[in-house]
Amino acid sequence: MTSLKRPENDSLRRLEELRTMFEKLRAERIRAEGEVERLTGELEQARAQAREEFGTDDEAELQRQIEAAQEENTRRVADFEAVLRDVEDRLRQLGGEP
């Protein structure tokens, strides 16, 4: 009878360890499902905001719009620099500097 108790005790101990592992994994799954749900909601909100502000939520189109805006910004900075240099040149001419 003692020899049967030993394997039985080992099995019970292993079952308890497995139960603990199972409970831990179940809690992790529930947490992960909640996180997926939260992130899915955030993604949908971001897409709705993009559609409202930029007319689309398509990533490729948004990237194209960003690149176009960057090019426009670069052009405007260059235009502003040219205007400032022109003003600077005119001021030098008025002041008699060569």
N, C-alpha and C. Protein backbone atom coordinates (compact mmCIF):
# COMPACT_ATOMS: atom_id res chain seq x y z
N MET A 1 0.81 -1.18 0.00
CA MET A 1 0.00 0.00 0.00
C MET A 1 0.86 1.27 0.00
N THR A 2 2.01 1.22 0.62
CA THR A 2 2.90 2.35 0.66
C THR A 2 3.42 2.68 -0.74
N SER A 3 3.66 1.66 -1.53
CA SER A 3 4.16 1.90 -2.87
C SER A 3 3.13 2.59 -3.76
N LEU A 4 1.85 2.39 -3.51
CA LEU A 4 0.81 3.07 -4.29
C LEU A 4 0.64 4.51 -3.83
N LYS A 5 0.89 4.78 -2.59
CA LYS A 5 0.75 6.15 -2.07
C LYS A 5 1.76 7.10 -2.71
N ARG A 6 2.96 6.62 -2.92
CA ARG A 6 4.02 7.47 -3.48
C ARG A 6 3.64 8.00 -4.87
N PRO A 7 3.29 7.16 -5.84
CA PRO A 7 2.89 7.66 -7.15
C PRO A 7 1.62 8.50 -7.07
N GLU A 8 0.74 8.14 -6.21
CA GLU A 8 -0.50 8.90 -6.04
C GLU A 8 -0.20 10.31 -5.53
N ASN A 9 0.70 10.41 -4.56
CA ASN A 9 1.10 11.71 -4.02
C ASN A 9 1.81 12.54 -5.08
N ASP A 10 2.67 11.91 -5.87
CA ASP A 10 3.36 12.60 -6.96
C ASP A 10 2.36 13.12 -7.99
N SER A 11 1.39 12.30 -8.29
CA SER A 11 0.37 12.71 -9.26
C SER A 11 -0.45 13.89 -8.73
N LEU A 12 -0.81 13.84 -7.47
CA LEU A 12 -1.57 14.94 -6.87
C LEU A 12 -0.75 16.23 -6.84
N ARG A 13 0.53 16.09 -6.49
CA ARG A 13 1.41 17.26 -6.48
C ARG A 13 1.53 17.84 -7.89
N ARG A 14 1.72 16.99 -8.87
CA ARG A 14 1.83 17.45 -10.26
C ARG A 14 0.54 18.10 -10.72
N LEU A 15 -0.60 17.50 -10.33
CA LEU A 15 -1.89 18.10 -10.70
C LEU A 15 -2.05 19.48 -10.10
N GLU A 16 -1.62 19.66 -8.87
CA GLU A 16 -1.69 20.98 -8.23
C GLU A 16 -0.80 21.99 -8.96
N GLU A 17 0.39 21.54 -9.34
CA GLU A 17 1.29 22.41 -10.11
C GLU A 17 0.66 22.77 -11.45
N LEU A 18 0.06 21.78 -12.09
CA LEU A 18 -0.57 22.02 -13.39
C LEU A 18 -1.78 22.92 -13.24
N ARG A 19 -2.52 22.76 -12.16
CA ARG A 19 -3.67 23.63 -11.92
C ARG A 19 -3.21 25.08 -11.75
N THR A 20 -2.15 25.26 -10.99
CA THR A 20 -1.60 26.60 -10.81
C THR A 20 -1.17 27.20 -12.15
N MET A 21 -0.49 26.38 -12.95
CA MET A 21 -0.06 26.83 -14.27
C MET A 21 -1.27 27.17 -15.14
N PHE A 22 -2.28 26.31 -15.09
CA PHE A 22 -3.49 26.53 -15.88
C PHE A 22 -4.17 27.84 -15.47
N GLU A 23 -4.31 28.07 -14.18
CA GLU A 23 -4.95 29.29 -13.69
C GLU A 23 -4.16 30.53 -14.11
N LYS A 24 -2.85 30.42 -14.05
CA LYS A 24 -1.99 31.53 -14.47
C LYS A 24 -2.18 31.82 -15.96
N LEU A 25 -2.19 30.76 -16.76
CA LEU A 25 -2.37 30.92 -18.21
C LEU A 25 -3.77 31.45 -18.54
N ARG A 26 -4.76 30.98 -17.81
CA ARG A 26 -6.12 31.46 -18.04
C ARG A 26 -6.23 32.95 -17.72
N ALA A 27 -5.63 33.36 -16.61
CA ALA A 27 -5.63 34.78 -16.25
C ALA A 27 -4.91 35.60 -17.31
N GLU A 28 -3.80 35.08 -17.82
CA GLU A 28 -3.05 35.77 -18.87
C GLU A 28 -3.87 35.88 -20.15
N ARG A 29 -4.60 34.81 -20.51
CA ARG A 29 -5.45 34.84 -21.69
C ARG A 29 -6.54 35.90 -21.54
N ILE A 30 -7.15 35.96 -20.37
CA ILE A 30 -8.21 36.95 -20.13
C ILE A 30 -7.63 38.35 -20.22
N ARG A 31 -6.44 38.56 -19.65
CA ARG A 31 -5.79 39.87 -19.73
C ARG A 31 -5.47 40.22 -21.18
N ALA A 32 -4.95 39.25 -21.93
CA ALA A 32 -4.59 39.48 -23.33
C ALA A 32 -5.83 39.79 -24.17
N GLU A 33 -6.93 39.08 -23.91
CA GLU A 33 -8.17 39.35 -24.64
C GLU A 33 -8.67 40.75 -24.35
N GLY A 34 -8.57 41.16 -23.10
CA GLY A 34 -8.96 42.53 -22.74
C GLY A 34 -8.09 43.56 -23.43
N GLU A 35 -6.79 43.28 -23.50
CA GLU A 35 -5.84 44.18 -24.16
C GLU A 35 -6.14 44.28 -25.66
N VAL A 36 -6.45 43.14 -26.27
CA VAL A 36 -6.80 43.14 -27.70
C VAL A 36 -8.06 43.97 -27.92
N GLU A 37 -9.03 43.80 -27.06
CA GLU A 37 -10.27 44.55 -27.17
C GLU A 37 -10.02 46.06 -27.02
N ARG A 38 -9.20 46.42 -26.04
CA ARG A 38 -8.88 47.83 -25.82
C ARG A 38 -8.14 48.41 -27.02
N LEU A 39 -7.13 47.68 -27.50
CA LEU A 39 -6.34 48.16 -28.64
C LEU A 39 -7.17 48.23 -29.92
N THR A 40 -8.07 47.29 -30.10
CA THR A 40 -8.96 47.33 -31.26
C THR A 40 -9.83 48.58 -31.23
N GLY A 41 -10.32 48.92 -30.05
CA GLY A 41 -11.11 50.14 -29.90
C GLY A 41 -10.29 51.38 -30.19
N GLU A 42 -9.06 51.41 -29.68
CA GLU A 42 -8.18 52.56 -29.94
C GLU A 42 -7.87 52.69 -31.42
N LEU A 43 -7.64 51.56 -32.08
CA LEU A 43 -7.37 51.58 -33.51
C LEU A 43 -8.56 52.14 -34.28
N GLU A 44 -9.75 51.70 -33.93
CA GLU A 44 -10.95 52.19 -34.61
C GLU A 44 -11.14 53.69 -34.37
N GLN A 45 -10.85 54.14 -33.16
CA GLN A 45 -10.95 55.58 -32.87
C GLN A 45 -9.93 56.36 -33.71
N ALA A 46 -8.71 55.83 -33.81
CA ALA A 46 -7.67 56.51 -34.59
C ALA A 46 -8.06 56.55 -36.07
N ARG A 47 -8.63 55.45 -36.57
CA ARG A 47 -9.06 55.44 -37.96
C ARG A 47 -10.19 56.44 -38.19
N ALA A 48 -11.14 56.51 -37.27
CA ALA A 48 -12.24 57.47 -37.41
C ALA A 48 -11.69 58.90 -37.39
N GLN A 49 -10.74 59.16 -36.51
CA GLN A 49 -10.14 60.49 -36.44
C GLN A 49 -9.39 60.81 -37.74
N ALA A 50 -8.68 59.83 -38.29
CA ALA A 50 -7.96 60.04 -39.54
C ALA A 50 -8.93 60.33 -40.68
N ARG A 51 -10.03 59.58 -40.72
CA ARG A 51 -11.03 59.83 -41.78
C ARG A 51 -11.60 61.24 -41.65
N GLU A 52 -11.85 61.66 -40.41
CA GLU A 52 -12.43 62.99 -40.18
C GLU A 52 -11.44 64.10 -40.54
N GLU A 53 -10.19 63.94 -40.12
CA GLU A 53 -9.21 65.00 -40.32
C GLU A 53 -8.56 64.98 -41.70
N PHE A 54 -8.35 63.78 -42.27
CA PHE A 54 -7.60 63.68 -43.52
C PHE A 54 -8.38 63.08 -44.67
N GLY A 55 -9.62 62.69 -44.41
CA GLY A 55 -10.46 62.16 -45.47
C GLY A 55 -10.22 60.69 -45.80
N THR A 56 -9.33 60.05 -45.07
CA THR A 56 -9.04 58.64 -45.32
C THR A 56 -8.40 58.02 -44.08
N ASP A 57 -8.49 56.70 -44.00
CA ASP A 57 -7.75 55.98 -42.97
C ASP A 57 -6.80 54.97 -43.60
N ASP A 58 -6.64 55.08 -44.93
CA ASP A 58 -5.72 54.21 -45.66
C ASP A 58 -4.28 54.64 -45.37
N GLU A 59 -3.48 53.70 -44.88
CA GLU A 59 -2.12 54.03 -44.46
C GLU A 59 -1.27 54.55 -45.62
N ALA A 60 -1.39 53.95 -46.79
CA ALA A 60 -0.59 54.39 -47.95
C ALA A 60 -0.97 55.81 -48.35
N GLU A 61 -2.26 56.11 -48.33
CA GLU A 61 -2.73 57.46 -48.68
C GLU A 61 -2.27 58.46 -47.62
N LEU A 62 -2.34 58.08 -46.36
CA LEU A 62 -1.87 58.98 -45.29
C LEU A 62 -0.38 59.24 -45.44
N GLN A 63 0.39 58.20 -45.78
CA GLN A 63 1.83 58.37 -46.00
C GLN A 63 2.08 59.31 -47.16
N ARG A 64 1.30 59.18 -48.24
CA ARG A 64 1.44 60.07 -49.39
C ARG A 64 1.14 61.51 -48.98
N GLN A 65 0.10 61.71 -48.18
CA GLN A 65 -0.26 63.04 -47.71
C GLN A 65 0.85 63.64 -46.83
N ILE A 66 1.44 62.81 -46.00
CA ILE A 66 2.55 63.28 -45.14
C ILE A 66 3.72 63.72 -46.00
N GLU A 67 4.08 62.90 -46.98
CA GLU A 67 5.20 63.23 -47.85
C GLU A 67 4.92 64.51 -48.64
N ALA A 68 3.69 64.67 -49.13
CA ALA A 68 3.33 65.88 -49.87
C ALA A 68 3.42 67.10 -48.96
N ALA A 69 2.97 66.96 -47.71
CA ALA A 69 3.03 68.07 -46.76
C ALA A 69 4.48 68.43 -46.43
N GLN A 70 5.34 67.42 -46.32
CA GLN A 70 6.75 67.68 -46.06
C GLN A 70 7.40 68.40 -47.23
N GLU A 71 7.07 67.98 -48.45
CA GLU A 71 7.60 68.66 -49.64
C GLU A 71 7.12 70.10 -49.69
N GLU A 72 5.83 70.32 -49.41
CA GLU A 72 5.27 71.67 -49.40
C GLU A 72 5.95 72.52 -48.33
N ASN A 73 6.20 71.94 -47.18
CA ASN A 73 6.86 72.66 -46.10
C ASN A 73 8.28 73.06 -46.51
N THR A 74 9.00 72.14 -47.15
CA THR A 74 10.35 72.43 -47.62
C THR A 74 10.33 73.56 -48.64
N ARG A 75 9.36 73.51 -49.56
CA ARG A 75 9.23 74.57 -50.57
C ARG A 75 8.94 75.92 -49.91
N ARG A 76 8.03 75.94 -48.96
CA ARG A 76 7.67 77.20 -48.30
C ARG A 76 8.83 77.78 -47.50
N VAL A 77 9.62 76.92 -46.86
CA VAL A 77 10.79 77.40 -46.12
C VAL A 77 11.78 78.03 -47.10
N ALA A 78 11.99 77.38 -48.24
CA ALA A 78 12.90 77.93 -49.25
C ALA A 78 12.37 79.26 -49.77
N ASP A 79 11.06 79.35 -50.02
CA ASP A 79 10.46 80.61 -50.47
C ASP A 79 10.64 81.70 -49.43
N PHE A 80 10.42 81.37 -48.17
CA PHE A 80 10.57 82.34 -47.08
C PHE A 80 12.01 82.81 -46.98
N GLU A 81 12.93 81.87 -47.12
CA GLU A 81 14.35 82.23 -47.08
C GLU A 81 14.69 83.19 -48.22
N ALA A 82 14.15 82.94 -49.41
CA ALA A 82 14.41 83.82 -50.55
C ALA A 82 13.86 85.22 -50.30
N VAL A 83 12.67 85.30 -49.73
CA VAL A 83 12.07 86.61 -49.42
C VAL A 83 12.93 87.35 -48.40
N LEU A 84 13.38 86.65 -47.37
CA LEU A 84 14.22 87.29 -46.35
C LEU A 84 15.54 87.78 -46.94
N ARG A 85 16.12 86.98 -47.82
CA ARG A 85 17.37 87.41 -48.45
C ARG A 85 17.14 88.64 -49.34
N ASP A 86 16.00 88.66 -50.02
CA ASP A 86 15.65 89.82 -50.85
C ASP A 86 15.50 91.06 -49.98
N VAL A 87 14.80 90.94 -48.88
CA VAL A 87 14.63 92.08 -47.95
C VAL A 87 15.99 92.52 -47.43
N GLU A 88 16.83 91.56 -47.07
CA GLU A 88 18.16 91.87 -46.57
C GLU A 88 18.97 92.63 -47.63
N ASP A 89 18.90 92.16 -48.87
CA ASP A 89 19.62 92.83 -49.96
C ASP A 89 19.12 94.26 -50.15
N ARG A 90 17.82 94.45 -50.13
CA ARG A 90 17.25 95.79 -50.31
C ARG A 90 17.65 96.73 -49.17
N LEU A 91 17.66 96.18 -47.96
CA LEU A 91 18.08 97.00 -46.82
C LEU A 91 19.54 97.40 -46.94
N ARG A 92 20.36 96.49 -47.41
CA ARG A 92 21.79 96.82 -47.62
C ARG A 92 21.93 97.92 -48.67
N GLN A 93 21.12 97.83 -49.73
CA GLN A 93 21.19 98.83 -50.79
C GLN A 93 20.77 100.20 -50.28
N LEU A 94 19.74 100.22 -49.44
CA LEU A 94 19.29 101.48 -48.87
C LEU A 94 20.31 102.06 -47.91
N GLY A 95 21.01 101.21 -47.24
CA GLY A 95 22.00 101.67 -46.26
C GLY A 95 23.32 102.02 -46.89
N GLY A 96 23.47 101.79 -48.15
CA GLY A 96 24.71 102.14 -48.85
C GLY A 96 25.76 101.07 -48.77
N GLU A 97 25.41 99.94 -48.19
CA GLU A 97 26.40 98.86 -48.16
C GLU A 97 26.39 98.14 -49.51
N PRO A 98 27.54 97.69 -49.97
CA PRO A 98 27.61 96.98 -51.25
C PRO A 98 27.07 95.58 -51.19
